[in-house]
Amino acid sequence: MMAAAMPLPGAVQSVSTMARKPRNPVARSPLLRKGGAHRKSRSAERMRSKRELKDEADASRKQHPDRDSGTETGPGAGPEDG
């Protein structure tokens, strides 16, 4: 029968066999600072607002397709001269 191998002095032990040291609370991962209440970023809020405005304008155009959008050019599109 073969005897279990003894670790050599100074050999690195696996984490599972040695006791873990407590972590340094000061040297935490910077990603952990992002914890807390979940909120949208300012840019996400701006983009959402712009998207809602565009959607409202599109819905208004679909409801009233006969209304003049004011973007036409050409004869008869501007004010009368007299």
N, C-alpha and C. Protein backbone atom coordinates (compact mmCIF):
# COMPACT_ATOMS: atom_id res chain seq x y z
N MET A 1 0.83 -1.16 0.00
CA MET A 1 0.00 0.00 0.00
C MET A 1 0.88 1.24 0.00
N MET A 2 0.40 2.29 -0.68
CA MET A 2 1.20 3.50 -0.82
C MET A 2 0.80 4.51 0.26
N ALA A 3 1.78 5.14 0.88
CA ALA A 3 1.51 6.12 1.93
C ALA A 3 1.15 7.45 1.30
N ALA A 4 0.32 8.25 1.99
CA ALA A 4 -0.08 9.57 1.48
C ALA A 4 1.14 10.48 1.46
N ALA A 5 1.25 11.26 0.42
CA ALA A 5 2.40 12.15 0.27
C ALA A 5 2.28 13.30 1.27
N MET A 6 3.37 13.56 1.97
CA MET A 6 3.41 14.67 2.92
C MET A 6 3.82 15.93 2.17
N PRO A 7 3.17 17.08 2.45
CA PRO A 7 3.57 18.31 1.77
C PRO A 7 4.97 18.73 2.20
N LEU A 8 5.70 19.25 1.27
CA LEU A 8 7.05 19.71 1.56
C LEU A 8 6.98 21.00 2.37
N PRO A 9 7.95 21.25 3.23
CA PRO A 9 7.95 22.51 3.98
C PRO A 9 8.06 23.69 3.02
N GLY A 10 7.22 24.72 3.21
CA GLY A 10 7.23 25.89 2.35
C GLY A 10 6.40 25.74 1.09
N ALA A 11 5.78 24.59 0.91
CA ALA A 11 4.94 24.37 -0.27
C ALA A 11 3.62 25.13 -0.11
N VAL A 12 3.09 25.57 -1.23
CA VAL A 12 1.84 26.32 -1.23
C VAL A 12 0.69 25.35 -1.04
N GLN A 13 -0.17 25.65 -0.07
CA GLN A 13 -1.33 24.80 0.19
C GLN A 13 -2.54 25.37 -0.55
N SER A 14 -3.47 24.53 -0.87
CA SER A 14 -4.69 25.00 -1.54
C SER A 14 -5.55 25.77 -0.53
N VAL A 15 -6.42 26.59 -1.04
CA VAL A 15 -7.28 27.43 -0.20
C VAL A 15 -8.20 26.56 0.65
N SER A 16 -8.62 25.43 0.12
CA SER A 16 -9.56 24.59 0.86
C SER A 16 -8.92 23.96 2.09
N THR A 17 -7.60 23.80 2.10
CA THR A 17 -6.96 23.15 3.24
C THR A 17 -6.48 24.14 4.29
N MET A 18 -6.21 25.37 3.91
CA MET A 18 -5.74 26.32 4.92
C MET A 18 -6.87 27.28 5.29
N ALA A 19 -6.79 27.82 6.48
CA ALA A 19 -7.82 28.75 6.94
C ALA A 19 -7.70 30.04 6.14
N ARG A 20 -8.85 30.61 5.76
CA ARG A 20 -8.84 31.85 4.97
C ARG A 20 -8.68 33.03 5.91
N LYS A 21 -7.85 33.97 5.50
CA LYS A 21 -7.69 35.19 6.27
C LYS A 21 -8.90 36.08 6.00
N PRO A 22 -9.32 36.89 6.96
CA PRO A 22 -10.42 37.81 6.69
C PRO A 22 -10.00 38.85 5.66
N ARG A 23 -10.95 39.25 4.83
CA ARG A 23 -10.64 40.24 3.78
C ARG A 23 -10.48 41.62 4.38
N ASN A 24 -9.66 42.42 3.71
CA ASN A 24 -9.44 43.79 4.11
C ASN A 24 -10.65 44.61 3.68
N PRO A 25 -11.43 45.18 4.60
CA PRO A 25 -12.63 45.92 4.20
C PRO A 25 -12.31 47.24 3.50
N VAL A 26 -11.10 47.74 3.67
CA VAL A 26 -10.72 49.00 3.03
C VAL A 26 -10.38 48.77 1.56
N ALA A 27 -9.79 47.64 1.24
CA ALA A 27 -9.34 47.36 -0.12
C ALA A 27 -10.38 46.52 -0.85
N ARG A 28 -11.59 47.01 -0.94
CA ARG A 28 -12.66 46.29 -1.63
C ARG A 28 -12.61 46.57 -3.13
N SER A 29 -13.30 45.75 -3.85
CA SER A 29 -13.38 45.92 -5.30
C SER A 29 -14.14 47.20 -5.62
N PRO A 30 -13.67 48.00 -6.59
CA PRO A 30 -14.39 49.22 -6.95
C PRO A 30 -15.78 48.94 -7.50
N LEU A 31 -16.01 47.75 -8.03
CA LEU A 31 -17.33 47.42 -8.55
C LEU A 31 -18.36 47.29 -7.43
N LEU A 32 -17.91 46.98 -6.23
CA LEU A 32 -18.85 46.84 -5.12
C LEU A 32 -19.38 48.19 -4.67
N ARG A 33 -18.69 49.28 -5.00
CA ARG A 33 -19.17 50.61 -4.63
C ARG A 33 -20.42 51.00 -5.41
N LYS A 34 -20.70 50.29 -6.49
CA LYS A 34 -21.84 50.61 -7.33
C LYS A 34 -23.13 50.04 -6.75
N GLY A 35 -23.04 49.36 -5.63
CA GLY A 35 -24.21 48.76 -5.02
C GLY A 35 -25.16 49.82 -4.48
N GLY A 36 -26.29 49.38 -4.00
CA GLY A 36 -27.26 50.30 -3.45
C GLY A 36 -28.50 50.35 -4.33
N ALA A 37 -29.23 51.45 -4.21
CA ALA A 37 -30.47 51.60 -4.97
C ALA A 37 -30.18 51.61 -6.46
N HIS A 38 -30.97 50.90 -7.23
CA HIS A 38 -30.79 50.84 -8.68
C HIS A 38 -31.48 52.03 -9.31
N ARG A 39 -30.75 52.81 -10.10
CA ARG A 39 -31.30 53.97 -10.78
C ARG A 39 -30.75 54.01 -12.19
N LYS A 40 -31.52 54.62 -13.07
CA LYS A 40 -31.04 54.84 -14.43
C LYS A 40 -30.07 56.00 -14.43
N SER A 41 -29.12 55.97 -15.35
CA SER A 41 -28.17 57.06 -15.48
C SER A 41 -28.86 58.27 -16.09
N ARG A 42 -28.26 59.42 -15.98
CA ARG A 42 -28.84 60.64 -16.53
C ARG A 42 -29.01 60.53 -18.04
N SER A 43 -28.02 59.94 -18.69
CA SER A 43 -28.12 59.81 -20.15
C SER A 43 -29.27 58.87 -20.53
N ALA A 44 -29.49 57.83 -19.74
CA ALA A 44 -30.61 56.92 -20.02
C ALA A 44 -31.94 57.63 -19.83
N GLU A 45 -32.02 58.49 -18.82
CA GLU A 45 -33.25 59.26 -18.60
C GLU A 45 -33.50 60.22 -19.76
N ARG A 46 -32.45 60.89 -20.25
CA ARG A 46 -32.60 61.81 -21.40
C ARG A 46 -33.06 61.04 -22.63
N MET A 47 -32.43 59.91 -22.90
CA MET A 47 -32.79 59.12 -24.08
C MET A 47 -34.24 58.64 -23.98
N ARG A 48 -34.68 58.23 -22.78
CA ARG A 48 -36.05 57.79 -22.60
C ARG A 48 -37.02 58.93 -22.87
N SER A 49 -36.68 60.14 -22.39
CA SER A 49 -37.54 61.30 -22.60
C SER A 49 -37.65 61.63 -24.09
N LYS A 50 -36.54 61.60 -24.79
CA LYS A 50 -36.55 61.88 -26.23
C LYS A 50 -37.36 60.83 -26.98
N ARG A 51 -37.22 59.57 -26.58
CA ARG A 51 -37.94 58.49 -27.23
C ARG A 51 -39.45 58.64 -27.00
N GLU A 52 -39.85 59.01 -25.77
CA GLU A 52 -41.27 59.21 -25.48
C GLU A 52 -41.84 60.36 -26.31
N LEU A 53 -41.09 61.45 -26.43
CA LEU A 53 -41.54 62.59 -27.22
C LEU A 53 -41.72 62.20 -28.68
N LYS A 54 -40.76 61.44 -29.21
CA LYS A 54 -40.85 61.00 -30.61
C LYS A 54 -42.05 60.07 -30.80
N ASP A 55 -42.27 59.18 -29.84
CA ASP A 55 -43.41 58.26 -29.94
C ASP A 55 -44.73 59.03 -29.90
N GLU A 56 -44.82 60.06 -29.06
CA GLU A 56 -46.03 60.87 -29.00
C GLU A 56 -46.27 61.59 -30.33
N ALA A 57 -45.20 62.13 -30.91
CA ALA A 57 -45.33 62.83 -32.19
C ALA A 57 -45.77 61.86 -33.28
N ASP A 58 -45.19 60.66 -33.29
CA ASP A 58 -45.59 59.66 -34.29
C ASP A 58 -47.05 59.26 -34.12
N ALA A 59 -47.49 59.08 -32.88
CA ALA A 59 -48.87 58.71 -32.62
C ALA A 59 -49.82 59.82 -33.06
N SER A 60 -49.42 61.07 -32.82
CA SER A 60 -50.24 62.20 -33.24
C SER A 60 -50.37 62.26 -34.76
N ARG A 61 -49.27 62.00 -35.45
CA ARG A 61 -49.29 62.00 -36.92
C ARG A 61 -50.19 60.89 -37.46
N LYS A 62 -50.20 59.75 -36.78
CA LYS A 62 -51.04 58.63 -37.22
C LYS A 62 -52.51 58.93 -36.99
N GLN A 63 -52.83 59.66 -35.90
CA GLN A 63 -54.23 59.98 -35.62
C GLN A 63 -54.77 61.04 -36.57
N HIS A 64 -53.92 61.97 -36.99
CA HIS A 64 -54.34 63.09 -37.83
C HIS A 64 -53.45 63.20 -39.07
N PRO A 65 -53.59 62.26 -40.00
CA PRO A 65 -52.71 62.28 -41.18
C PRO A 65 -53.02 63.43 -42.13
N ASP A 66 -54.21 64.03 -42.03
CA ASP A 66 -54.58 65.10 -42.95
C ASP A 66 -54.07 66.47 -42.49
N ARG A 67 -53.58 66.57 -41.26
CA ARG A 67 -53.08 67.86 -40.79
C ARG A 67 -51.77 68.21 -41.47
N ASP A 68 -51.57 69.50 -41.72
CA ASP A 68 -50.33 69.97 -42.33
C ASP A 68 -49.24 69.97 -41.27
N SER A 69 -48.12 69.37 -41.59
CA SER A 69 -47.03 69.31 -40.63
C SER A 69 -46.19 70.58 -40.63
N GLY A 70 -46.41 71.47 -41.63
CA GLY A 70 -45.65 72.71 -41.68
C GLY A 70 -44.29 72.56 -42.30
N THR A 71 -44.01 71.41 -42.89
CA THR A 71 -42.69 71.19 -43.48
C THR A 71 -42.72 71.20 -45.00
N GLU A 72 -43.86 71.50 -45.58
CA GLU A 72 -43.94 71.51 -47.05
C GLU A 72 -43.24 72.73 -47.61
N THR A 73 -42.68 72.58 -48.78
CA THR A 73 -42.08 73.68 -49.50
C THR A 73 -42.62 73.67 -50.92
N GLY A 74 -42.49 74.79 -51.60
CA GLY A 74 -42.97 74.84 -52.98
C GLY A 74 -44.07 75.88 -53.11
N PRO A 75 -44.66 75.96 -54.30
CA PRO A 75 -45.70 76.96 -54.55
C PRO A 75 -46.91 76.72 -53.66
N GLY A 76 -47.38 77.77 -53.05
CA GLY A 76 -48.56 77.69 -52.22
C GLY A 76 -48.28 77.27 -50.80
N ALA A 77 -47.02 77.00 -50.45
CA ALA A 77 -46.70 76.53 -49.11
C ALA A 77 -46.50 77.69 -48.15
N GLY A 78 -46.11 78.86 -48.63
CA GLY A 78 -45.83 79.99 -47.75
C GLY A 78 -47.00 80.94 -47.66
N PRO A 79 -46.84 82.05 -46.94
CA PRO A 79 -47.91 83.03 -46.82
C PRO A 79 -48.16 83.73 -48.17
N GLU A 80 -49.40 84.14 -48.37
CA GLU A 80 -49.77 84.82 -49.60
C GLU A 80 -49.14 86.21 -49.64
N ASP A 81 -48.72 86.68 -50.83
CA ASP A 81 -48.08 88.00 -50.96
C ASP A 81 -49.08 89.09 -51.32
N GLY A 82 -50.24 88.89 -51.27
CA GLY A 82 -51.03 90.01 -51.53
C GLY A 82 -52.20 89.99 -52.27
